[in-house]
Amino acid sequence: MKLSNAQRRYLRGLTHHINPVVMVGDKGLTDNVWNEIDTALDHHELIKVKLRSERKIRKAQSEDIAHRCDAQIVHQIGQVSCFFRRNQKKPVISLPAR
């Protein structure tokens, strides 16, 4: 699902009030981290992930998370990246029209 600019802005506004649900440390994206990200996306649809590494590594990790979890990157600021993936069975967030 490709997000329009209006939908991305709406989701960015929603991320201000949520805390990171997953933190990626020195060991990187382990199996446990992948499971937590996948579970959090299923449950919340919109999540923040804190990535504790160098800038180039954070960018690669964010793109890897989005690709592997079939999620959209809403935005990235510093060590925090926000992801959205629609729950097809029970949608939690209603997006504005494109």
Protein backbone atom coordinates (compact mmCIF):
# COMPACT_ATOMS: atom_id res chain seq x y z
CA MET A 1 0.00 0.00 0.00
CA LYS A 2 1.49 3.30 -1.09
CA LEU A 3 0.71 6.28 1.15
CA SER A 4 -0.23 9.66 -0.29
CA ASN A 5 1.41 12.82 1.06
CA ALA A 6 -1.77 13.72 2.97
CA GLN A 7 -1.90 10.28 4.58
CA ARG A 8 1.79 10.44 5.47
CA ARG A 9 1.29 13.89 7.10
CA TYR A 10 -1.68 12.56 9.05
CA LEU A 11 0.33 9.58 10.32
CA ARG A 12 3.29 11.83 11.22
CA GLY A 13 0.92 13.82 13.42
CA LEU A 14 -0.20 10.65 15.17
CA THR A 15 3.38 9.57 15.91
CA HIS A 16 4.11 12.60 18.11
CA HIS A 17 2.25 11.09 21.05
CA ILE A 18 3.55 7.52 20.93
CA ASN A 19 6.71 6.10 22.45
CA PRO A 20 9.13 3.69 20.75
CA VAL A 21 7.87 0.13 21.17
CA VAL A 22 11.04 -1.56 19.90
CA MET A 23 14.66 -0.59 20.49
CA VAL A 24 17.42 -1.96 18.26
CA GLY A 25 20.74 -2.08 20.10
CA ASP A 26 24.30 -3.05 19.29
CA LYS A 27 23.35 -6.57 18.19
CA GLY A 28 21.23 -5.17 15.37
CA LEU A 29 18.13 -6.75 13.89
CA THR A 30 18.02 -10.14 15.59
CA ASP A 31 15.21 -12.69 15.24
CA ASN A 32 13.67 -11.47 18.50
CA VAL A 33 13.67 -7.88 17.26
CA TRP A 34 12.02 -8.94 13.98
CA ASN A 35 9.31 -10.80 15.91
CA GLU A 36 8.65 -7.78 18.15
CA ILE A 37 8.41 -5.39 15.19
CA ASP A 38 6.07 -7.72 13.32
CA THR A 39 3.85 -8.23 16.38
CA ALA A 40 3.76 -4.50 17.14
CA LEU A 41 2.79 -3.66 13.56
CA ASP A 42 0.00 -6.25 13.65
CA HIS A 43 -1.36 -4.85 16.89
CA HIS A 44 -0.81 -1.08 16.56
CA GLU A 45 -0.34 -0.50 12.80
CA LEU A 46 1.74 2.63 13.54
CA ILE A 47 4.92 2.19 15.58
CA LYS A 48 8.15 3.95 16.50
CA VAL A 49 11.43 2.05 16.51
CA LYS A 50 14.56 3.42 18.14
CA LEU A 51 17.70 2.49 16.22
CA ARG A 52 20.94 2.91 18.17
CA SER A 53 23.68 2.92 15.54
CA GLU A 54 25.48 5.16 13.04
CA ARG A 55 23.48 7.22 10.53
CA LYS A 56 24.20 5.06 7.46
CA ILE A 57 23.41 1.88 9.38
CA ARG A 58 20.15 3.37 10.74
CA LYS A 59 19.03 4.27 7.21
CA ALA A 60 19.80 0.76 5.95
CA GLN A 61 18.06 -0.82 8.96
CA SER A 62 14.95 1.33 8.42
CA GLU A 63 14.75 0.36 4.76
CA ASP A 64 15.30 -3.29 5.69
CA ILE A 65 12.49 -3.18 8.27
CA ALA A 66 10.11 -1.56 5.78
CA HIS A 67 10.94 -4.09 3.08
CA ARG A 68 10.93 -7.21 5.21
CA CYS A 69 7.79 -6.30 7.20
CA ASP A 70 5.93 -4.91 4.17
CA ALA A 71 5.54 -1.58 5.98
CA GLN A 72 5.80 2.05 4.94
CA ILE A 73 8.33 4.42 6.50
CA VAL A 74 6.30 7.36 7.78
CA HIS A 75 9.35 9.39 8.79
CA GLN A 76 12.79 9.26 10.35
CA ILE A 77 14.24 11.73 12.82
CA GLY A 78 17.59 11.03 14.42
CA GLN A 79 17.52 7.60 16.03
CA VAL A 80 13.77 7.14 15.68
CA SER A 81 11.94 5.72 12.66
CA CYS A 82 8.17 5.37 12.36
CA PHE A 83 6.49 2.62 10.36
CA PHE A 84 2.92 1.95 9.24
CA ARG A 85 1.40 -1.31 8.07
CA ARG A 86 -2.36 -1.73 7.66
CA ASN A 87 -3.89 -4.64 9.58
CA GLN A 88 -6.16 -6.21 6.97
CA LYS A 89 -8.33 -8.10 9.47
CA LYS A 90 -8.85 -5.39 12.11
CA PRO A 91 -7.81 -1.90 10.95
CA VAL A 92 -7.01 0.37 13.90
CA ILE A 93 -6.28 3.67 12.13
CA SER A 94 -8.61 5.20 9.56
CA LEU A 95 -6.60 7.10 6.97
CA PRO A 96 -7.85 10.23 5.21
CA ALA A 97 -8.80 9.90 1.55
CA ARG A 98 -5.99 10.16 -0.96
